[in-house]
Every structure is written in structure tokens, then in C-alpha cells.
Amino acid sequence: MTELLNKKGATLVDLLERVLDKGLIINADLVISVSGIPLVGVNLRAALAGMKTMLKYGLMADLDRRIREHYRVRCAGARPALKLLEDEAVMLRMMGSYLYEEGIMRMWRVGYLYLTNRRLLLFRMEPPEKLLEVPLEDIKGIEVAEAERLGWKRKEIILRMRDKTVLIHGEDVDELEEALLAAVGCKA
């Protein structure tokens, strides 16, 4: 951690990424005394890390299992209530995300990617919300790029439009790229 702090050009984002990836453990004992007589004792133990790191070290495994089971049961068989346009048909559906950027906000928004014969949508089931909508006729180019996110290498798709660029990721990037190319009719 010290070498990261001493490194020129290291940012708060670098520090946060390092803490989430490697983890940070804090152990503190505090005793409040009056006239040499200990009155209050506090023992603090805290672990700060990404869930992947916590689970790797056996921390929070029970909580993670309970949360996953809760959502598995709650969402079993449930489908997002996405409203399609007239004469619109779903060609591909998969879990996915897109990089939301507005002002200083920059985060991956996650939901179901729907590729229809008219548009690409990202829809979140709970609470129900359309996170992204791109008409297919607005897409001028499609590229696949390699990226490293929190120590993981993965493929992402860059959708180029006249006035903006959208970065998306799906559970099967190759299948998504192939379907997009077929639907849009352009070359990578």
C-alpha cells in the first residue's frame, strides 16, 4: 500500500481499486481511563474489501449465500416487464451492462440486454427501469475492445453513433457482437 501512495500519478481511484482488490484490515483497541482507572474499552476489527476478495478469504460467505438465495427464489421465473413497440421482436436477451457517464458520475449499470429488430435496450428488473435505449439506425460502427476492470480482463463492445459513443458488456460478448452486426448491417 505504501508503494502505491508514494507512486507519482497515483489517484484516489487507484487507492480504492487496490483496497477493494487486496483488502484492508483494521484492528484497534481503545481504552478510556480516568485517573489511571480503565472505564471503557473498545475493540474494533474491520475488514474493507470487494466482495470477491472477502469471499476469497472466507469472510461474509454466509451473508453472500443468503442474499443470492433470496434473489434466486424471489426472481425465479420472473421476467422484466419490458414494453416492446409495435412490430418489434426480441432477437437476443442476456445479462449485460453499459458504462453510464454523466458529469463526474461514471459507473456500470447492470440489467438485461435486449436486442430487438429496432433497438438495443438495457432493462433493470428491480426497480423496473429502462437504463439504455439505442435505436439500431443510430449505430454507425461496432468495435470490440479488450479492457481490464478491477484486475479482470474482458471484452467490451464500443457502439459508435453520430453524436456519442456507448460502451457495453454482455455475458457472451462474441454472441452479442455477432447479433449486433447482423441487426445493424455494418462491419466491425
C-alpha atoms as a PDB file:
ATOM      1  CA  MET A   1       0.000   0.000   0.000  1.00  0.00           C
ATOM      2  CA  THR A   2       2.871   2.370   0.851  1.00  0.00           C
ATOM      3  CA  GLU A   3       4.410   1.980  -2.615  1.00  0.00           C
ATOM      4  CA  LEU A   4       1.064   2.984  -4.159  1.00  0.00           C
ATOM      5  CA  LEU A   5       0.859   6.117  -2.023  1.00  0.00           C
ATOM      6  CA  ASN A   6       4.452   7.084  -2.892  1.00  0.00           C
ATOM      7  CA  LYS A   7       3.934   6.435  -6.624  1.00  0.00           C
ATOM      8  CA  LYS A   8       3.699   9.579  -8.742  1.00  0.00           C
ATOM      9  CA  GLY A   9       0.368   9.942 -10.508  1.00  0.00           C
ATOM     10  CA  ALA A  10      -1.487   7.565  -8.157  1.00  0.00           C
ATOM     11  CA  THR A  11      -5.046   8.737  -7.683  1.00  0.00           C
ATOM     12  CA  LEU A  12      -7.773   8.098  -5.154  1.00  0.00           C
ATOM     13  CA  VAL A  13      -9.317   5.716  -7.686  1.00  0.00           C
ATOM     14  CA  ASP A  14      -6.053   3.720  -7.760  1.00  0.00           C
ATOM     15  CA  LEU A  15      -6.074   3.526  -3.964  1.00  0.00           C
ATOM     16  CA  LEU A  16      -9.726   2.452  -3.853  1.00  0.00           C
ATOM     17  CA  GLU A  17      -9.152  -0.178  -6.544  1.00  0.00           C
ATOM     18  CA  ARG A  18      -6.190  -1.537  -4.570  1.00  0.00           C
ATOM     19  CA  VAL A  19      -8.184  -1.657  -1.302  1.00  0.00           C
ATOM     20  CA  LEU A  20     -11.123  -3.432  -2.961  1.00  0.00           C
ATOM     21  CA  ASP A  21      -8.830  -5.902  -4.744  1.00  0.00           C
ATOM     22  CA  LYS A  22      -6.337  -6.671  -1.938  1.00  0.00           C
ATOM     23  CA  GLY A  23      -8.361  -5.687   1.123  1.00  0.00           C
ATOM     24  CA  LEU A  24      -7.623  -3.621   4.196  1.00  0.00           C
ATOM     25  CA  ILE A  25      -7.847  -4.872   7.796  1.00  0.00           C
ATOM     26  CA  ILE A  26      -8.042  -2.528  10.752  1.00  0.00           C
ATOM     27  CA  ASN A  27      -7.545  -3.757  14.334  1.00  0.00           C
ATOM     28  CA  ALA A  28      -7.814  -1.144  17.073  1.00  0.00           C
ATOM     29  CA  ASP A  29      -8.026  -1.318  20.866  1.00  0.00           C
ATOM     30  CA  LEU A  30      -9.081   1.813  22.692  1.00  0.00           C
ATOM     31  CA  VAL A  31      -9.239   2.205  26.472  1.00  0.00           C
ATOM     32  CA  ILE A  32     -10.647   5.323  28.120  1.00  0.00           C
ATOM     33  CA  SER A  33      -9.199   5.853  31.597  1.00  0.00           C
ATOM     34  CA  VAL A  34      -9.774   8.425  34.311  1.00  0.00           C
ATOM     35  CA  SER A  35      -7.041   8.811  36.954  1.00  0.00           C
ATOM     36  CA  GLY A  36      -5.388   5.632  35.725  1.00  0.00           C
ATOM     37  CA  ILE A  37      -8.557   3.555  36.143  1.00  0.00           C
ATOM     38  CA  PRO A  38      -9.800   1.980  32.897  1.00  0.00           C
ATOM     39  CA  LEU A  39     -13.532   2.775  32.496  1.00  0.00           C
ATOM     40  CA  VAL A  40     -14.428   1.938  28.885  1.00  0.00           C
ATOM     41  CA  GLY A  41     -12.808  -0.471  26.497  1.00  0.00           C
ATOM     42  CA  VAL A  42     -13.430  -0.657  22.771  1.00  0.00           C
ATOM     43  CA  ASN A  43     -12.133  -3.376  20.492  1.00  0.00           C
ATOM     44  CA  LEU A  44     -12.565  -2.629  16.784  1.00  0.00           C
ATOM     45  CA  ARG A  45     -11.994  -5.040  13.941  1.00  0.00           C
ATOM     46  CA  ALA A  46     -12.924  -4.063  10.417  1.00  0.00           C
ATOM     47  CA  ALA A  47     -12.243  -5.544   7.009  1.00  0.00           C
ATOM     48  CA  LEU A  48     -12.711  -3.475   3.878  1.00  0.00           C
ATOM     49  CA  ALA A  49     -12.503  -5.222   0.505  1.00  0.00           C
ATOM     50  CA  GLY A  50     -14.504  -6.071  -2.577  1.00  0.00           C
ATOM     51  CA  MET A  51     -16.893  -8.996  -2.213  1.00  0.00           C
ATOM     52  CA  LYS A  52     -14.681 -11.166  -4.430  1.00  0.00           C
ATOM     53  CA  THR A  53     -11.762 -10.602  -2.044  1.00  0.00           C
ATOM     54  CA  MET A  54     -13.934 -11.066   1.074  1.00  0.00           C
ATOM     55  CA  LEU A  55     -15.221 -14.404  -0.236  1.00  0.00           C
ATOM     56  CA  LYS A  56     -11.697 -15.470  -1.227  1.00  0.00           C
ATOM     57  CA  TYR A  57     -10.635 -15.131   2.417  1.00  0.00           C
ATOM     58  CA  GLY A  58     -13.801 -16.765   3.777  1.00  0.00           C
ATOM     59  CA  LEU A  59     -15.384 -13.554   5.066  1.00  0.00           C
ATOM     60  CA  MET A  60     -19.096 -12.854   4.598  1.00  0.00           C
ATOM     61  CA  ALA A  61     -19.699 -16.186   2.832  1.00  0.00           C
ATOM     62  CA  ASP A  62     -22.909 -16.859   4.789  1.00  0.00           C
ATOM     63  CA  LEU A  63     -24.322 -13.415   4.051  1.00  0.00           C
ATOM     64  CA  ASP A  64     -23.431 -13.738   0.355  1.00  0.00           C
ATOM     65  CA  ARG A  65     -25.105 -17.163   0.191  1.00  0.00           C
ATOM     66  CA  ARG A  66     -28.277 -15.832   1.891  1.00  0.00           C
ATOM     67  CA  ILE A  67     -28.505 -12.813  -0.429  1.00  0.00           C
ATOM     68  CA  ARG A  68     -28.009 -14.930  -3.551  1.00  0.00           C
ATOM     69  CA  GLU A  69     -30.606 -17.467  -2.380  1.00  0.00           C
ATOM     70  CA  HIS A  70     -33.089 -14.681  -1.583  1.00  0.00           C
ATOM     71  CA  TYR A  71     -32.813 -13.228  -5.090  1.00  0.00           C
ATOM     72  CA  ARG A  72     -32.779 -16.650  -6.755  1.00  0.00           C
ATOM     73  CA  VAL A  73     -36.108 -17.526  -5.083  1.00  0.00           C
ATOM     74  CA  ARG A  74     -37.579 -14.051  -5.487  1.00  0.00           C
ATOM     75  CA  CYS A  75     -36.685 -13.738  -9.150  1.00  0.00           C
ATOM     76  CA  ALA A  76     -37.261 -17.357 -10.205  1.00  0.00           C
ATOM     77  CA  GLY A  77     -39.146 -17.300 -13.479  1.00  0.00           C
ATOM     78  CA  ALA A  78     -39.625 -13.537 -13.310  1.00  0.00           C
ATOM     79  CA  ARG A  79     -39.163 -11.564 -16.487  1.00  0.00           C
ATOM     80  CA  PRO A  80     -38.676  -7.828 -16.729  1.00  0.00           C
ATOM     81  CA  ALA A  81     -41.810  -6.036 -17.858  1.00  0.00           C
ATOM     82  CA  LEU A  82     -40.230  -4.542 -20.962  1.00  0.00           C
ATOM     83  CA  LYS A  83     -42.724  -2.982 -23.342  1.00  0.00           C
ATOM     84  CA  LEU A  84     -41.975  -3.602 -26.984  1.00  0.00           C
ATOM     85  CA  LEU A  85     -43.002  -1.347 -29.842  1.00  0.00           C
ATOM     86  CA  GLU A  86     -45.497  -2.472 -32.459  1.00  0.00           C
ATOM     87  CA  ASP A  87     -43.894  -4.998 -34.848  1.00  0.00           C
ATOM     88  CA  GLU A  88     -40.847  -5.284 -32.577  1.00  0.00           C
ATOM     89  CA  ALA A  89     -39.383  -8.718 -31.801  1.00  0.00           C
ATOM     90  CA  VAL A  90     -36.619  -9.723 -29.377  1.00  0.00           C
ATOM     91  CA  MET A  91     -33.701 -11.319 -31.221  1.00  0.00           C
ATOM     92  CA  LEU A  92     -31.329 -11.709 -28.242  1.00  0.00           C
ATOM     93  CA  ARG A  93     -31.614 -11.430 -24.444  1.00  0.00           C
ATOM     94  CA  MET A  94     -28.725 -11.712 -21.972  1.00  0.00           C
ATOM     95  CA  MET A  95     -27.361 -10.166 -18.799  1.00  0.00           C
ATOM     96  CA  GLY A  96     -25.274  -7.124 -19.544  1.00  0.00           C
ATOM     97  CA  SER A  97     -24.217  -3.627 -18.581  1.00  0.00           C
ATOM     98  CA  TYR A  98     -23.239  -0.288 -20.011  1.00  0.00           C
ATOM     99  CA  LEU A  99     -20.907   2.436 -18.828  1.00  0.00           C
ATOM    100  CA  TYR A 100     -23.066   5.323 -17.619  1.00  0.00           C
ATOM    101  CA  GLU A 101     -21.248   8.652 -17.696  1.00  0.00           C
ATOM    102  CA  GLU A 102     -22.753  11.974 -16.719  1.00  0.00           C
ATOM    103  CA  GLY A 103     -20.781  14.806 -15.132  1.00  0.00           C
ATOM    104  CA  ILE A 104     -18.485  13.252 -12.528  1.00  0.00           C
ATOM    105  CA  MET A 105     -20.640  10.089 -12.349  1.00  0.00           C
ATOM    106  CA  ARG A 106     -19.093   7.078 -14.061  1.00  0.00           C
ATOM    107  CA  MET A 107     -20.472   3.620 -13.278  1.00  0.00           C
ATOM    108  CA  TRP A 108     -21.536   0.381 -14.890  1.00  0.00           C
ATOM    109  CA  ARG A 109     -25.316  -0.033 -14.865  1.00  0.00           C
ATOM    110  CA  VAL A 110     -26.444  -3.662 -14.935  1.00  0.00           C
ATOM    111  CA  GLY A 111     -29.588  -5.334 -16.257  1.00  0.00           C
ATOM    112  CA  TYR A 112     -30.874  -7.431 -19.151  1.00  0.00           C
ATOM    113  CA  LEU A 113     -29.684  -6.500 -22.637  1.00  0.00           C
ATOM    114  CA  TYR A 114     -32.401  -6.875 -25.239  1.00  0.00           C
ATOM    115  CA  LEU A 115     -31.541  -6.706 -28.915  1.00  0.00           C
ATOM    116  CA  THR A 116     -34.690  -6.311 -30.966  1.00  0.00           C
ATOM    117  CA  ASN A 117     -35.181  -5.762 -34.678  1.00  0.00           C
ATOM    118  CA  ARG A 118     -35.423  -2.000 -33.942  1.00  0.00           C
ATOM    119  CA  ARG A 119     -33.267  -1.127 -30.920  1.00  0.00           C
ATOM    120  CA  LEU A 120     -30.824  -2.203 -28.226  1.00  0.00           C
ATOM    121  CA  LEU A 121     -32.107  -1.853 -24.675  1.00  0.00           C
ATOM    122  CA  LEU A 122     -30.745  -2.387 -21.207  1.00  0.00           C
ATOM    123  CA  PHE A 123     -33.565  -3.008 -18.755  1.00  0.00           C
ATOM    124  CA  ARG A 124     -33.294  -3.400 -14.979  1.00  0.00           C
ATOM    125  CA  MET A 125     -35.815  -5.671 -13.299  1.00  0.00           C
ATOM    126  CA  GLU A 126     -35.840  -4.126  -9.839  1.00  0.00           C
ATOM    127  CA  PRO A 127     -36.905  -1.400  -9.718  1.00  0.00           C
ATOM    128  CA  PRO A 128     -38.160  -1.700 -13.309  1.00  0.00           C
ATOM    129  CA  GLU A 129     -36.325   0.868 -15.403  1.00  0.00           C
ATOM    130  CA  LYS A 130     -35.018   1.255 -18.939  1.00  0.00           C
ATOM    131  CA  LEU A 131     -31.345   2.123 -18.413  1.00  0.00           C
ATOM    132  CA  LEU A 132     -30.296   2.415 -22.051  1.00  0.00           C
ATOM    133  CA  GLU A 133     -32.115   2.667 -25.363  1.00  0.00           C
ATOM    134  CA  VAL A 134     -30.262   2.857 -28.682  1.00  0.00           C
ATOM    135  CA  PRO A 135     -32.198   2.759 -31.959  1.00  0.00           C
ATOM    136  CA  LEU A 136     -30.360   0.445 -34.365  1.00  0.00           C
ATOM    137  CA  GLU A 137     -30.385   3.075 -37.121  1.00  0.00           C
ATOM    138  CA  ASP A 138     -28.281   5.374 -34.865  1.00  0.00           C
ATOM    139  CA  ILE A 139     -25.409   2.852 -34.662  1.00  0.00           C
ATOM    140  CA  LYS A 140     -22.690   3.769 -37.186  1.00  0.00           C
ATOM    141  CA  GLY A 141     -19.963   1.383 -36.030  1.00  0.00           C
ATOM    142  CA  ILE A 142     -19.323  -1.567 -33.727  1.00  0.00           C
ATOM    143  CA  GLU A 143     -15.931  -2.479 -32.247  1.00  0.00           C
ATOM    144  CA  VAL A 144     -14.765  -4.995 -29.669  1.00  0.00           C
ATOM    145  CA  ALA A 145     -12.036  -3.887 -27.279  1.00  0.00           C
ATOM    146  CA  GLU A 146     -10.078  -5.663 -24.540  1.00  0.00           C
ATOM    147  CA  ALA A 147     -10.321  -3.960 -21.148  1.00  0.00           C
ATOM    148  CA  GLU A 148      -9.090  -4.615 -17.632  1.00  0.00           C
ATOM    149  CA  ARG A 149     -11.613  -3.878 -14.897  1.00  0.00           C
ATOM    150  CA  LEU A 150     -10.537  -4.390 -11.266  1.00  0.00           C
ATOM    151  CA  GLY A 151      -7.884  -6.882 -12.291  1.00  0.00           C
ATOM    152  CA  TRP A 152     -10.140  -8.855 -14.671  1.00  0.00           C
ATOM    153  CA  LYS A 153      -9.561  -8.852 -18.424  1.00  0.00           C
ATOM    154  CA  ARG A 154     -12.675  -8.899 -20.556  1.00  0.00           C
ATOM    155  CA  LYS A 155     -14.085  -7.881 -23.929  1.00  0.00           C
ATOM    156  CA  GLU A 156     -16.372  -4.872 -24.258  1.00  0.00           C
ATOM    157  CA  ILE A 157     -18.312  -3.527 -27.225  1.00  0.00           C
ATOM    158  CA  ILE A 158     -17.991   0.058 -28.370  1.00  0.00           C
ATOM    159  CA  LEU A 159     -21.059   1.370 -30.190  1.00  0.00           C
ATOM    160  CA  ARG A 160     -20.238   4.414 -32.272  1.00  0.00           C
ATOM    161  CA  MET A 161     -23.039   6.805 -33.105  1.00  0.00           C
ATOM    162  CA  ARG A 162     -23.096  10.189 -34.776  1.00  0.00           C
ATOM    163  CA  ASP A 163     -23.039  12.206 -31.542  1.00  0.00           C
ATOM    164  CA  LYS A 164     -21.786   9.792 -28.878  1.00  0.00           C
ATOM    165  CA  THR A 165     -20.088   6.508 -28.044  1.00  0.00           C
ATOM    166  CA  VAL A 166     -21.594   3.840 -25.791  1.00  0.00           C
ATOM    167  CA  LEU A 167     -19.572   1.113 -24.061  1.00  0.00           C
ATOM    168  CA  ILE A 168     -21.464  -2.112 -23.302  1.00  0.00           C
ATOM    169  CA  HIS A 169     -20.653  -5.569 -21.973  1.00  0.00           C
ATOM    170  CA  GLY A 170     -22.678  -8.782 -22.130  1.00  0.00           C
ATOM    171  CA  GLU A 171     -22.342 -12.225 -20.624  1.00  0.00           C
ATOM    172  CA  ASP A 172     -21.364 -13.519 -24.097  1.00  0.00           C
ATOM    173  CA  VAL A 173     -19.665 -10.639 -25.926  1.00  0.00           C
ATOM    174  CA  ASP A 174     -18.986 -12.671 -29.089  1.00  0.00           C
ATOM    175  CA  GLU A 175     -22.650 -13.654 -29.446  1.00  0.00           C
ATOM    176  CA  LEU A 176     -23.737 -10.062 -28.734  1.00  0.00           C
ATOM    177  CA  GLU A 177     -21.297  -8.650 -31.306  1.00  0.00           C
ATOM    178  CA  GLU A 178     -22.434 -11.140 -33.956  1.00  0.00           C
ATOM    179  CA  ALA A 179     -26.112 -10.368 -33.326  1.00  0.00           C
ATOM    180  CA  LEU A 180     -25.483  -6.601 -33.368  1.00  0.00           C
ATOM    181  CA  LEU A 181     -23.546  -6.803 -36.630  1.00  0.00           C
ATOM    182  CA  ALA A 182     -26.352  -8.818 -38.215  1.00  0.00           C
ATOM    183  CA  ALA A 183     -29.045  -6.456 -36.918  1.00  0.00           C
ATOM    184  CA  VAL A 184     -27.264  -3.223 -37.821  1.00  0.00           C
ATOM    185  CA  GLY A 185     -25.724  -4.484 -41.052  1.00  0.00           C
ATOM    186  CA  CYS A 186     -22.375  -2.772 -40.580  1.00  0.00           C
ATOM    187  CA  LYS A 187     -18.812  -4.015 -40.365  1.00  0.00           C
ATOM    188  CA  ALA A 188     -16.710  -4.029 -37.205  1.00  0.00           C
END
